[in-house]
Amino acid sequence: MNPKEKHRTVIFFKDYFEKFFIKQSTKVKAKIIWTIELIEEFEKVPETYLKHIESVKGLYEIRIKLGRDIFRIFCFFEQGKLIILTNGFQKKTQKTPKKEINRALKIMEEYKNESK
């Protein structure tokens, strides 16, 4: 397999993710980009980087850790090979905040309504 062959494509929907991304430090941005490239290129992505949110159908989180800082970016699959990024946030507690999950679900619903 060509190491740069893509198994999936990551895209942004509107500017939800971008608003989060531009606020991050250069090191965090680099780690986010590295993680997205890994998700695109690896056929089987370790749960360390991409994990299904158990209580929510179709919603996944991209997991980024840099030193002690933990970030999450919500996403979902469209047609199996396309990953749509929704919102991101810095995780400060053990549990993922419900308001962030609800925001991701609203963005996912908005995407699905607009792409019909």
PDB file of N, CA and C in Angstrom:
ATOM      1  N   MET A   1       0.838  -1.197   0.000  1.00  0.00           N
ATOM      2  CA  MET A   1       0.000   0.000   0.000  1.00  0.00           C
ATOM      3  C   MET A   1       0.875   1.251   0.000  1.00  0.00           C
ATOM      4  N   ASN A   2       0.535   2.185  -0.805  1.00  0.00           N
ATOM      5  CA  ASN A   2       1.199   3.479  -0.826  1.00  0.00           C
ATOM      6  C   ASN A   2       0.904   4.193   0.499  1.00  0.00           C
ATOM      7  N   PRO A   3       1.925   4.638   1.256  1.00  0.00           N
ATOM      8  CA  PRO A   3       1.666   5.242   2.565  1.00  0.00           C
ATOM      9  C   PRO A   3       0.814   6.515   2.505  1.00  0.00           C
ATOM     10  N   LYS A   4       0.730   7.161   1.364  1.00  0.00           N
ATOM     11  CA  LYS A   4      -0.071   8.382   1.257  1.00  0.00           C
ATOM     12  C   LYS A   4      -1.445   8.126   0.628  1.00  0.00           C
ATOM     13  N   GLU A   5      -1.765   6.851   0.387  1.00  0.00           N
ATOM     14  CA  GLU A   5      -3.080   6.506  -0.164  1.00  0.00           C
ATOM     15  C   GLU A   5      -4.145   6.804   0.887  1.00  0.00           C
ATOM     16  N   LYS A   6      -5.211   7.441   0.456  1.00  0.00           N
ATOM     17  CA  LYS A   6      -6.260   7.805   1.406  1.00  0.00           C
ATOM     18  C   LYS A   6      -7.345   6.748   1.472  1.00  0.00           C
ATOM     19  N   HIS A   7      -7.725   6.413   2.693  1.00  0.00           N
ATOM     20  CA  HIS A   7      -8.835   5.485   2.913  1.00  0.00           C
ATOM     21  C   HIS A   7     -10.119   6.247   3.174  1.00  0.00           C
ATOM     22  N   ARG A   8      -9.972   7.490   3.561  1.00  0.00           N
ATOM     23  CA  ARG A   8     -11.149   8.346   3.780  1.00  0.00           C
ATOM     24  C   ARG A   8     -10.718   9.791   3.609  1.00  0.00           C
ATOM     25  N   THR A   9     -11.678  10.658   3.450  1.00  0.00           N
ATOM     26  CA  THR A   9     -11.417  12.083   3.268  1.00  0.00           C
ATOM     27  C   THR A   9     -12.114  12.854   4.381  1.00  0.00           C
ATOM     28  N   VAL A  10     -11.394  13.783   4.973  1.00  0.00           N
ATOM     29  CA  VAL A  10     -11.958  14.616   6.030  1.00  0.00           C
ATOM     30  C   VAL A  10     -12.294  15.979   5.431  1.00  0.00           C
ATOM     31  N   ILE A  11     -13.531  16.425   5.664  1.00  0.00           N
ATOM     32  CA  ILE A  11     -13.919  17.764   5.206  1.00  0.00           C
ATOM     33  C   ILE A  11     -14.560  18.528   6.366  1.00  0.00           C
ATOM     34  N   PHE A  12     -14.596  19.841   6.197  1.00  0.00           N
ATOM     35  CA  PHE A  12     -15.232  20.704   7.194  1.00  0.00           C
ATOM     36  C   PHE A  12     -16.602  21.090   6.668  1.00  0.00           C
ATOM     37  N   PHE A  13     -17.561  21.192   7.553  1.00  0.00           N
ATOM     38  CA  PHE A  13     -18.893  21.674   7.187  1.00  0.00           C
ATOM     39  C   PHE A  13     -19.032  23.091   7.713  1.00  0.00           C
ATOM     40  N   LYS A  14     -19.256  24.027   6.796  1.00  0.00           N
ATOM     41  CA  LYS A  14     -19.341  25.458   7.133  1.00  0.00           C
ATOM     42  C   LYS A  14     -18.089  25.864   7.902  1.00  0.00           C
ATOM     43  N   ASP A  15     -18.208  26.724   8.908  1.00  0.00           N
ATOM     44  CA  ASP A  15     -16.996  27.174   9.609  1.00  0.00           C
ATOM     45  C   ASP A  15     -16.974  26.755  11.072  1.00  0.00           C
ATOM     46  N   TYR A  16     -17.778  25.768  11.445  1.00  0.00           N
ATOM     47  CA  TYR A  16     -17.846  25.346  12.850  1.00  0.00           C
ATOM     48  C   TYR A  16     -16.478  24.875  13.371  1.00  0.00           C
ATOM     49  N   PHE A  17     -15.860  23.969  12.648  1.00  0.00           N
ATOM     50  CA  PHE A  17     -14.550  23.459  13.066  1.00  0.00           C
ATOM     51  C   PHE A  17     -13.482  24.544  12.943  1.00  0.00           C
ATOM     52  N   GLU A  18     -13.538  25.285  11.856  1.00  0.00           N
ATOM     53  CA  GLU A  18     -12.525  26.311  11.589  1.00  0.00           C
ATOM     54  C   GLU A  18     -12.449  27.342  12.720  1.00  0.00           C
ATOM     55  N   LYS A  19     -13.602  27.736  13.269  1.00  0.00           N
ATOM     56  CA  LYS A  19     -13.629  28.704  14.375  1.00  0.00           C
ATOM     57  C   LYS A  19     -12.857  28.178  15.578  1.00  0.00           C
ATOM     58  N   PHE A  20     -12.971  26.878  15.833  1.00  0.00           N
ATOM     59  CA  PHE A  20     -12.222  26.240  16.919  1.00  0.00           C
ATOM     60  C   PHE A  20     -10.729  26.186  16.562  1.00  0.00           C
ATOM     61  N   PHE A  21     -10.429  25.748  15.350  1.00  0.00           N
ATOM     62  CA  PHE A  21      -9.052  25.515  14.909  1.00  0.00           C
ATOM     63  C   PHE A  21      -8.204  26.784  14.967  1.00  0.00           C
ATOM     64  N   ILE A  22      -8.719  27.883  14.468  1.00  0.00           N
ATOM     65  CA  ILE A  22      -7.910  29.117  14.387  1.00  0.00           C
ATOM     66  C   ILE A  22      -7.543  29.680  15.761  1.00  0.00           C
ATOM     67  N   LYS A  23      -8.273  29.299  16.798  1.00  0.00           N
ATOM     68  CA  LYS A  23      -7.979  29.783  18.157  1.00  0.00           C
ATOM     69  C   LYS A  23      -6.844  29.007  18.824  1.00  0.00           C
ATOM     70  N   GLN A  24      -6.427  27.894  18.220  1.00  0.00           N
ATOM     71  CA  GLN A  24      -5.439  27.023  18.862  1.00  0.00           C
ATOM     72  C   GLN A  24      -4.006  27.486  18.605  1.00  0.00           C
ATOM     73  N   SER A  25      -3.103  27.032  19.478  1.00  0.00           N
ATOM     74  CA  SER A  25      -1.684  27.352  19.321  1.00  0.00           C
ATOM     75  C   SER A  25      -1.132  26.609  18.105  1.00  0.00           C
ATOM     76  N   THR A  26       0.048  27.033  17.664  1.00  0.00           N
ATOM     77  CA  THR A  26       0.695  26.399  16.513  1.00  0.00           C
ATOM     78  C   THR A  26       0.920  24.910  16.770  1.00  0.00           C
ATOM     79  N   LYS A  27       1.337  24.549  17.992  1.00  0.00           N
ATOM     80  CA  LYS A  27       1.586  23.133  18.322  1.00  0.00           C
ATOM     81  C   LYS A  27       0.299  22.320  18.282  1.00  0.00           C
ATOM     82  N   VAL A  28      -0.783  22.877  18.802  1.00  0.00           N
ATOM     83  CA  VAL A  28      -2.071  22.161  18.789  1.00  0.00           C
ATOM     84  C   VAL A  28      -2.554  22.000  17.355  1.00  0.00           C
ATOM     85  N   LYS A  29      -2.447  23.057  16.549  1.00  0.00           N
ATOM     86  CA  LYS A  29      -2.848  22.974  15.135  1.00  0.00           C
ATOM     87  C   LYS A  29      -2.067  21.873  14.425  1.00  0.00           C
ATOM     88  N   ALA A  30      -0.766  21.803  14.671  1.00  0.00           N
ATOM     89  CA  ALA A  30       0.073  20.784  14.027  1.00  0.00           C
ATOM     90  C   ALA A  30      -0.374  19.379  14.440  1.00  0.00           C
ATOM     91  N   LYS A  31      -0.712  19.195  15.707  1.00  0.00           N
ATOM     92  CA  LYS A  31      -1.156  17.882  16.191  1.00  0.00           C
ATOM     93  C   LYS A  31      -2.519  17.527  15.592  1.00  0.00           C
ATOM     94  N   ILE A  32      -3.404  18.513  15.456  1.00  0.00           N
ATOM     95  CA  ILE A  32      -4.712  18.282  14.836  1.00  0.00           C
ATOM     96  C   ILE A  32      -4.520  17.831  13.383  1.00  0.00           C
ATOM     97  N   ILE A  33      -3.683  18.546  12.647  1.00  0.00           N
ATOM     98  CA  ILE A  33      -3.428  18.214  11.239  1.00  0.00           C
ATOM     99  C   ILE A  33      -2.815  16.815  11.129  1.00  0.00           C
ATOM    100  N   TRP A  34      -1.845  16.512  11.983  1.00  0.00           N
ATOM    101  CA  TRP A  34      -1.213  15.191  11.988  1.00  0.00           C
ATOM    102  C   TRP A  34      -2.254  14.099  12.225  1.00  0.00           C
ATOM    103  N   THR A  35      -3.143  14.321  13.183  1.00  0.00           N
ATOM    104  CA  THR A  35      -4.168  13.324  13.529  1.00  0.00           C
ATOM    105  C   THR A  35      -5.158  13.137  12.378  1.00  0.00           C
ATOM    106  N   ILE A  36      -5.575  14.234  11.747  1.00  0.00           N
ATOM    107  CA  ILE A  36      -6.496  14.140  10.606  1.00  0.00           C
ATOM    108  C   ILE A  36      -5.849  13.363   9.464  1.00  0.00           C
ATOM    109  N   GLU A  37      -4.575  13.631   9.198  1.00  0.00           N
ATOM    110  CA  GLU A  37      -3.871  12.897   8.136  1.00  0.00           C
ATOM    111  C   GLU A  37      -3.790  11.407   8.462  1.00  0.00           C
ATOM    112  N   LEU A  38      -3.546  11.070   9.725  1.00  0.00           N
ATOM    113  CA  LEU A  38      -3.506   9.672  10.148  1.00  0.00           C
ATOM    114  C   LEU A  38      -4.864   9.007   9.885  1.00  0.00           C
ATOM    115  N   ILE A  39      -5.939   9.702  10.225  1.00  0.00           N
ATOM    116  CA  ILE A  39      -7.298   9.166  10.031  1.00  0.00           C
ATOM    117  C   ILE A  39      -7.588   8.949   8.543  1.00  0.00           C
ATOM    118  N   GLU A  40      -7.093   9.850   7.710  1.00  0.00           N
ATOM    119  CA  GLU A  40      -7.309   9.705   6.268  1.00  0.00           C
ATOM    120  C   GLU A  40      -6.509   8.533   5.685  1.00  0.00           C
ATOM    121  N   GLU A  41      -5.304   8.316   6.206  1.00  0.00           N
ATOM    122  CA  GLU A  41      -4.377   7.379   5.575  1.00  0.00           C
ATOM    123  C   GLU A  41      -4.435   5.951   6.101  1.00  0.00           C
ATOM    124  N   PHE A  42      -4.791   5.744   7.373  1.00  0.00           N
ATOM    125  CA  PHE A  42      -4.788   4.395   7.940  1.00  0.00           C
ATOM    126  C   PHE A  42      -6.124   3.710   7.716  1.00  0.00           C
ATOM    127  N   GLU A  43      -6.050   2.464   7.261  1.00  0.00           N
ATOM    128  CA  GLU A  43      -7.284   1.710   7.040  1.00  0.00           C
ATOM    129  C   GLU A  43      -8.004   1.456   8.365  1.00  0.00           C
ATOM    130  N   LYS A  44      -7.246   1.014   9.360  1.00  0.00           N
ATOM    131  CA  LYS A  44      -7.808   0.808  10.702  1.00  0.00           C
ATOM    132  C   LYS A  44      -7.209   1.866  11.620  1.00  0.00           C
ATOM    133  N   VAL A  45      -8.045   2.780  12.065  1.00  0.00           N
ATOM    134  CA  VAL A  45      -7.581   3.878  12.920  1.00  0.00           C
ATOM    135  C   VAL A  45      -7.725   3.442  14.385  1.00  0.00           C
ATOM    136  N   PRO A  46      -6.637   3.509  15.165  1.00  0.00           N
ATOM    137  CA  PRO A  46      -6.734   3.138  16.579  1.00  0.00           C
ATOM    138  C   PRO A  46      -7.723   4.041  17.332  1.00  0.00           C
ATOM    139  N   GLU A  47      -8.409   3.458  18.327  1.00  0.00           N
ATOM    140  CA  GLU A  47      -9.366   4.226  19.127  1.00  0.00           C
ATOM    141  C   GLU A  47      -8.697   5.373  19.866  1.00  0.00           C
ATOM    142  N   THR A  48      -7.402   5.328  19.985  1.00  0.00           N
ATOM    143  CA  THR A  48      -6.662   6.432  20.602  1.00  0.00           C
ATOM    144  C   THR A  48      -6.940   7.735  19.853  1.00  0.00           C
ATOM    145  N   TYR A  49      -7.226   7.632  18.541  1.00  0.00           N
ATOM    146  CA  TYR A  49      -7.400   8.807  17.695  1.00  0.00           C
ATOM    147  C   TYR A  49      -8.823   9.033  17.198  1.00  0.00           C
ATOM    148  N   LEU A  50      -9.595   7.973  17.057  1.00  0.00           N
ATOM    149  CA  LEU A  50     -10.964   8.099  16.538  1.00  0.00           C
ATOM    150  C   LEU A  50     -11.842   7.081  17.242  1.00  0.00           C
ATOM    151  N   LYS A  51     -12.852   7.572  17.942  1.00  0.00           N
ATOM    152  CA  LYS A  51     -13.686   6.671  18.738  1.00  0.00           C
ATOM    153  C   LYS A  51     -15.156   7.038  18.593  1.00  0.00           C
ATOM    154  N   HIS A  52     -15.984   6.000  18.481  1.00  0.00           N
ATOM    155  CA  HIS A  52     -17.434   6.200  18.431  1.00  0.00           C
ATOM    156  C   HIS A  52     -17.912   6.643  19.810  1.00  0.00           C
ATOM    157  N   ILE A  53     -18.818   7.597  19.853  1.00  0.00           N
ATOM    158  CA  ILE A  53     -19.406   8.008  21.122  1.00  0.00           C
ATOM    159  C   ILE A  53     -20.541   7.037  21.416  1.00  0.00           C
ATOM    160  N   GLU A  54     -20.385   6.286  22.484  1.00  0.00           N
ATOM    161  CA  GLU A  54     -21.241   5.129  22.736  1.00  0.00           C
ATOM    162  C   GLU A  54     -22.729   5.425  22.799  1.00  0.00           C
ATOM    163  N   SER A  55     -23.108   6.517  23.429  1.00  0.00           N
ATOM    164  CA  SER A  55     -24.538   6.776  23.632  1.00  0.00           C
ATOM    165  C   SER A  55     -25.193   7.499  22.450  1.00  0.00           C
ATOM    166  N   VAL A  56     -24.422   7.807  21.413  1.00  0.00           N
ATOM    167  CA  VAL A  56     -24.934   8.631  20.320  1.00  0.00           C
ATOM    168  C   VAL A  56     -24.709   7.954  18.972  1.00  0.00           C
ATOM    169  N   LYS A  57     -25.798   7.656  18.277  1.00  0.00           N
ATOM    170  CA  LYS A  57     -25.719   6.970  16.985  1.00  0.00           C
ATOM    171  C   LYS A  57     -25.041   7.859  15.935  1.00  0.00           C
ATOM    172  N   GLY A  58     -23.987   7.330  15.321  1.00  0.00           N
ATOM    173  CA  GLY A  58     -23.348   7.995  14.190  1.00  0.00           C
ATOM    174  C   GLY A  58     -22.342   9.080  14.528  1.00  0.00           C
ATOM    175  N   LEU A  59     -22.162   9.400  15.811  1.00  0.00           N
ATOM    176  CA  LEU A  59     -21.238  10.475  16.177  1.00  0.00           C
ATOM    177  C   LEU A  59     -19.925   9.884  16.696  1.00  0.00           C
ATOM    178  N   TYR A  60     -18.825  10.447  16.220  1.00  0.00           N
ATOM    179  CA  TYR A  60     -17.487  10.016  16.613  1.00  0.00           C
ATOM    180  C   TYR A  60     -16.723  11.210  17.162  1.00  0.00           C
ATOM    181  N   GLU A  61     -15.637  10.913  17.875  1.00  0.00           N
ATOM    182  CA  GLU A  61     -14.766  11.988  18.322  1.00  0.00           C
ATOM    183  C   GLU A  61     -13.346  11.688  17.890  1.00  0.00           C
ATOM    184  N   ILE A  62     -12.711  12.712  17.357  1.00  0.00           N
ATOM    185  CA  ILE A  62     -11.290  12.648  17.050  1.00  0.00           C
ATOM    186  C   ILE A  62     -10.606  13.094  18.335  1.00  0.00           C
ATOM    187  N   ARG A  63      -9.657  12.283  18.785  1.00  0.00           N
ATOM    188  CA  ARG A  63      -9.046  12.507  20.088  1.00  0.00           C
ATOM    189  C   ARG A  63      -7.617  13.009  19.907  1.00  0.00           C
ATOM    190  N   ILE A  64      -7.340  14.163  20.505  1.00  0.00           N
ATOM    191  CA  ILE A  64      -6.028  14.771  20.371  1.00  0.00           C
ATOM    192  C   ILE A  64      -5.485  15.056  21.763  1.00  0.00           C
ATOM    193  N   LYS A  65      -4.253  14.610  21.977  1.00  0.00           N
ATOM    194  CA  LYS A  65      -3.611  14.859  23.263  1.00  0.00           C
ATOM    195  C   LYS A  65      -2.261  15.487  22.995  1.00  0.00           C
ATOM    196  N   LEU A  66      -1.997  16.588  23.673  1.00  0.00           N
ATOM    197  CA  LEU A  66      -0.713  17.278  23.534  1.00  0.00           C
ATOM    198  C   LEU A  66      -0.267  17.647  24.938  1.00  0.00           C
ATOM    199  N   GLY A  67       0.730  16.934  25.434  1.00  0.00           N
ATOM    200  CA  GLY A  67       1.147  17.126  26.825  1.00  0.00           C
ATOM    201  C   GLY A  67      -0.014  16.753  27.732  1.00  0.00           C
ATOM    202  N   ARG A  68      -0.427  17.683  28.591  1.00  0.00           N
ATOM    203  CA  ARG A  68      -1.560  17.430  29.494  1.00  0.00           C
ATOM    204  C   ARG A  68      -2.880  17.903  28.894  1.00  0.00           C
ATOM    205  N   ASP A  69      -2.809  18.589  27.766  1.00  0.00           N
ATOM    206  CA  ASP A  69      -4.025  19.128  27.148  1.00  0.00           C
ATOM    207  C   ASP A  69      -4.707  18.073  26.291  1.00  0.00           C
ATOM    208  N   ILE A  70      -6.028  18.017  26.420  1.00  0.00           N
ATOM    209  CA  ILE A  70      -6.832  17.058  25.657  1.00  0.00           C
ATOM    210  C   ILE A  70      -7.872  17.830  24.862  1.00  0.00           C
ATOM    211  N   PHE A  71      -7.976  17.502  23.586  1.00  0.00           N
ATOM    212  CA  PHE A  71      -8.936  18.154  22.703  1.00  0.00           C
ATOM    213  C   PHE A  71      -9.801  17.087  22.054  1.00  0.00           C
ATOM    214  N   ARG A  72     -11.024  17.458  21.737  1.00  0.00           N
ATOM    215  CA  ARG A  72     -11.931  16.566  21.029  1.00  0.00           C
ATOM    216  C   ARG A  72     -12.536  17.319  19.853  1.00  0.00           C
ATOM    217  N   ILE A  73     -12.657  16.619  18.746  1.00  0.00           N
ATOM    218  CA  ILE A  73     -13.330  17.168  17.566  1.00  0.00           C
ATOM    219  C   ILE A  73     -14.385  16.145  17.176  1.00  0.00           C
ATOM    220  N   PHE A  74     -15.630  16.560  17.154  1.00  0.00           N
ATOM    221  CA  PHE A  74     -16.702  15.652  16.784  1.00  0.00           C
ATOM    222  C   PHE A  74     -16.788  15.540  15.275  1.00  0.00           C
ATOM    223  N   CYS A  75     -17.210  14.367  14.821  1.00  0.00           N
ATOM    224  CA  CYS A  75     -17.331  14.136  13.390  1.00  0.00           C
ATOM    225  C   CYS A  75     -18.312  12.996  13.152  1.00  0.00           C
ATOM    226  N   PHE A  76     -18.665  12.815  11.885  1.00  0.00           N
ATOM    227  CA  PHE A  76     -19.519  11.693  11.493  1.00  0.00           C
ATOM    228  C   PHE A  76     -19.151  11.275  10.091  1.00  0.00           C
ATOM    229  N   PHE A  77     -19.555  10.076   9.727  1.00  0.00           N
ATOM    230  CA  PHE A  77     -19.251   9.535   8.405  1.00  0.00           C
ATOM    231  C   PHE A  77     -20.402   9.807   7.455  1.00  0.00           C
ATOM    232  N   GLU A  78     -20.057  10.066   6.216  1.00  0.00           N
ATOM    233  CA  GLU A  78     -21.028  10.222   5.139  1.00  0.00           C
ATOM    234  C   GLU A  78     -20.550   9.308   4.020  1.00  0.00           C
ATOM    235  N   GLN A  79     -21.362   8.388   3.591  1.00  0.00           N
ATOM    236  CA  GLN A  79     -21.014   7.429   2.533  1.00  0.00           C
ATOM    237  C   GLN A  79     -19.784   6.598   2.895  1.00  0.00           C
ATOM    238  N   GLY A  80     -19.570   6.386   4.177  1.00  0.00           N
ATOM    239  CA  GLY A  80     -18.521   5.494   4.638  1.00  0.00           C
ATOM    240  C   GLY A  80     -17.092   5.996   4.569  1.00  0.00           C
ATOM    241  N   LYS A  81     -16.751   6.774   3.558  1.00  0.00           N
ATOM    242  CA  LYS A  81     -15.354   7.173   3.357  1.00  0.00           C
ATOM    243  C   LYS A  81     -15.104   8.662   3.592  1.00  0.00           C
ATOM    244  N   LEU A  82     -16.156   9.408   3.844  1.00  0.00           N
ATOM    245  CA  LEU A  82     -16.023  10.847   4.005  1.00  0.00           C
ATOM    246  C   LEU A  82     -16.338  11.198   5.451  1.00  0.00           C
ATOM    247  N   ILE A  83     -15.436  11.900   6.099  1.00  0.00           N
ATOM    248  CA  ILE A  83     -15.657  12.278   7.492  1.00  0.00           C
ATOM    249  C   ILE A  83     -15.932  13.781   7.542  1.00  0.00           C
ATOM    250  N   ILE A  84     -17.058  14.141   8.130  1.00  0.00           N
ATOM    251  CA  ILE A  84     -17.449  15.542   8.246  1.00  0.00           C
ATOM    252  C   ILE A  84     -17.115  16.006   9.662  1.00  0.00           C
ATOM    253  N   LEU A  85     -16.278  17.030   9.780  1.00  0.00           N
ATOM    254  CA  LEU A  85     -15.943  17.579  11.092  1.00  0.00           C
ATOM    255  C   LEU A  85     -17.030  18.551  11.522  1.00  0.00           C
ATOM    256  N   THR A  86     -17.407  18.482  12.781  1.00  0.00           N
ATOM    257  CA  THR A  86     -18.400  19.421  13.308  1.00  0.00           C
ATOM    258  C   THR A  86     -17.658  20.409  14.206  1.00  0.00           C
ATOM    259  N   ASN A  87     -17.808  20.296  15.500  1.00  0.00           N
ATOM    260  CA  ASN A  87     -17.191  21.244  16.419  1.00  0.00           C
ATOM    261  C   ASN A  87     -16.053  20.600  17.205  1.00  0.00           C
ATOM    262  N   GLY A  88     -15.212  21.452  17.784  1.00  0.00           N
ATOM    263  CA  GLY A  88     -14.112  20.990  18.617  1.00  0.00           C
ATOM    264  C   GLY A  88     -14.105  21.752  19.929  1.00  0.00           C
ATOM    265  N   PHE A  89     -13.450  21.173  20.924  1.00  0.00           N
ATOM    266  CA  PHE A  89     -13.328  21.853  22.212  1.00  0.00           C
ATOM    267  C   PHE A  89     -12.163  21.257  22.984  1.00  0.00           C
ATOM    268  N   GLN A  90     -11.715  22.000  24.000  1.00  0.00           N
ATOM    269  CA  GLN A  90     -10.676  21.476  24.882  1.00  0.00           C
ATOM    270  C   GLN A  90     -11.370  20.785  26.040  1.00  0.00           C
ATOM    271  N   LYS A  91     -10.973  19.564  26.277  1.00  0.00           N
ATOM    272  CA  LYS A  91     -11.614  18.760  27.316  1.00  0.00           C
ATOM    273  C   LYS A  91     -10.935  19.036  28.652  1.00  0.00           C
ATOM    274  N   LYS A  92     -11.732  19.429  29.638  1.00  0.00           N
ATOM    275  CA  LYS A  92     -11.173  19.757  30.947  1.00  0.00           C
ATOM    276  C   LYS A  92     -11.694  18.849  32.049  1.00  0.00           C
ATOM    277  N   THR A  93     -12.705  18.023  31.733  1.00  0.00           N
ATOM    278  CA  THR A  93     -13.266  17.116  32.725  1.00  0.00           C
ATOM    279  C   THR A  93     -13.250  15.694  32.166  1.00  0.00           C
ATOM    280  N   GLN A  94     -13.481  14.728  33.019  1.00  0.00           N
ATOM    281  CA  GLN A  94     -13.487  13.327  32.602  1.00  0.00           C
ATOM    282  C   GLN A  94     -14.596  13.045  31.590  1.00  0.00           C
ATOM    283  N   LYS A  95     -15.781  13.576  31.859  1.00  0.00           N
ATOM    284  CA  LYS A  95     -16.926  13.340  30.975  1.00  0.00           C
ATOM    285  C   LYS A  95     -17.009  14.419  29.898  1.00  0.00           C
ATOM    286  N   THR A  96     -17.393  14.009  28.694  1.00  0.00           N
ATOM    287  CA  THR A  96     -17.582  14.966  27.607  1.00  0.00           C
ATOM    288  C   THR A  96     -18.836  15.792  27.902  1.00  0.00           C
ATOM    289  N   PRO A  97     -18.716  17.124  27.871  1.00  0.00           N
ATOM    290  CA  PRO A  97     -19.889  17.965  28.172  1.00  0.00           C
ATOM    291  C   PRO A  97     -21.056  17.695  27.217  1.00  0.00           C
ATOM    292  N   LYS A  98     -22.247  17.525  27.800  1.00  0.00           N
ATOM    293  CA  LYS A  98     -23.468  17.249  27.035  1.00  0.00           C
ATOM    294  C   LYS A  98     -23.723  18.351  26.003  1.00  0.00           C
ATOM    295  N   LYS A  99     -23.456  19.606  26.373  1.00  0.00           N
ATOM    296  CA  LYS A  99     -23.729  20.721  25.445  1.00  0.00           C
ATOM    297  C   LYS A  99     -22.871  20.605  24.183  1.00  0.00           C
ATOM    298  N   GLU A 100     -21.656  20.063  24.299  1.00  0.00           N
ATOM    299  CA  GLU A 100     -20.793  19.883  23.119  1.00  0.00           C
ATOM    300  C   GLU A 100     -21.333  18.772  22.226  1.00  0.00           C
ATOM    301  N   ILE A 101     -21.822  17.694  22.845  1.00  0.00           N
ATOM    302  CA  ILE A 101     -22.425  16.597  22.071  1.00  0.00           C
ATOM    303  C   ILE A 101     -23.682  17.098  21.366  1.00  0.00           C
ATOM    304  N   ASN A 102     -24.523  17.846  22.080  1.00  0.00           N
ATOM    305  CA  ASN A 102     -25.748  18.385  21.480  1.00  0.00           C
ATOM    306  C   ASN A 102     -25.434  19.321  20.324  1.00  0.00           C
ATOM    307  N   ARG A 103     -24.392  20.123  20.474  1.00  0.00           N
ATOM    308  CA  ARG A 103     -23.982  21.039  19.397  1.00  0.00           C
ATOM    309  C   ARG A 103     -23.563  20.234  18.162  1.00  0.00           C
ATOM    310  N   ALA A 104     -22.791  19.175  18.376  1.00  0.00           N
ATOM    311  CA  ALA A 104     -22.352  18.324  17.263  1.00  0.00           C
ATOM    312  C   ALA A 104     -23.550  17.685  16.574  1.00  0.00           C
ATOM    313  N   LEU A 105     -24.526  17.237  17.353  1.00  0.00           N
ATOM    314  CA  LEU A 105     -25.723  16.618  16.770  1.00  0.00           C
ATOM    315  C   LEU A 105     -26.531  17.619  15.945  1.00  0.00           C
ATOM    316  N   LYS A 106     -26.611  18.853  16.405  1.00  0.00           N
ATOM    317  CA  LYS A 106     -27.313  19.900  15.639  1.00  0.00           C
ATOM    318  C   LYS A 106     -26.610  20.162  14.313  1.00  0.00           C
ATOM    319  N   ILE A 107     -25.276  20.222  14.342  1.00  0.00           N
ATOM    320  CA  ILE A 107     -24.499  20.453  13.118  1.00  0.00           C
ATOM    321  C   ILE A 107     -24.678  19.270  12.163  1.00  0.00           C
ATOM    322  N   MET A 108     -24.665  18.044  12.704  1.00  0.00           N
ATOM    323  CA  MET A 108     -24.847  16.846  11.883  1.00  0.00           C
ATOM    324  C   MET A 108     -26.225  16.870  11.219  1.00  0.00           C
ATOM    325  N   GLU A 109     -27.251  17.241  11.978  1.00  0.00           N
ATOM    326  CA  GLU A 109     -28.611  17.335  11.441  1.00  0.00           C
ATOM    327  C   GLU A 109     -28.691  18.417  10.359  1.00  0.00           C
ATOM    328  N   GLU A 110     -28.057  19.547  10.612  1.00  0.00           N
ATOM    329  CA  GLU A 110     -28.031  20.651   9.633  1.00  0.00           C
ATOM    330  C   GLU A 110     -27.378  20.185   8.331  1.00  0.00           C
ATOM    331  N   TYR A 111     -26.255  19.465   8.449  1.00  0.00           N
ATOM    332  CA  TYR A 111     -25.577  18.943   7.266  1.00  0.00           C
ATOM    333  C   TYR A 111     -26.486  18.010   6.482  1.00  0.00           C
ATOM    334  N   LYS A 112     -27.121  17.091   7.179  1.00  0.00           N
ATOM    335  CA  LYS A 112     -27.973  16.109   6.499  1.00  0.00           C
ATOM    336  C   LYS A 112     -29.180  16.768   5.823  1.00  0.00           C
ATOM    337  N   ASN A 113     -29.746  17.793   6.476  1.00  0.00           N
ATOM    338  CA  ASN A 113     -30.880  18.519   5.883  1.00  0.00           C
ATOM    339  C   ASN A 113     -30.456  19.282   4.612  1.00  0.00           C
ATOM    340  N   GLU A 114     -29.247  19.847   4.638  1.00  0.00           N
ATOM    341  CA  GLU A 114     -28.768  20.642   3.500  1.00  0.00           C
ATOM    342  C   GLU A 114     -28.240  19.799   2.357  1.00  0.00           C
ATOM    343  N   SER A 115     -27.881  18.545   2.639  1.00  0.00           N
ATOM    344  CA  SER A 115     -27.304  17.731   1.562  1.00  0.00           C
ATOM    345  C   SER A 115     -28.307  16.782   0.932  1.00  0.00           C
ATOM    346  N   LYS A 116     -29.582  16.967   1.251  1.00  0.00           N
ATOM    347  CA  LYS A 116     -30.636  16.120   0.662  1.00  0.00           C
ATOM    348  C   LYS A 116     -30.857  16.474  -0.787  1.00  0.00           C
TER     349      LYS A 116
END
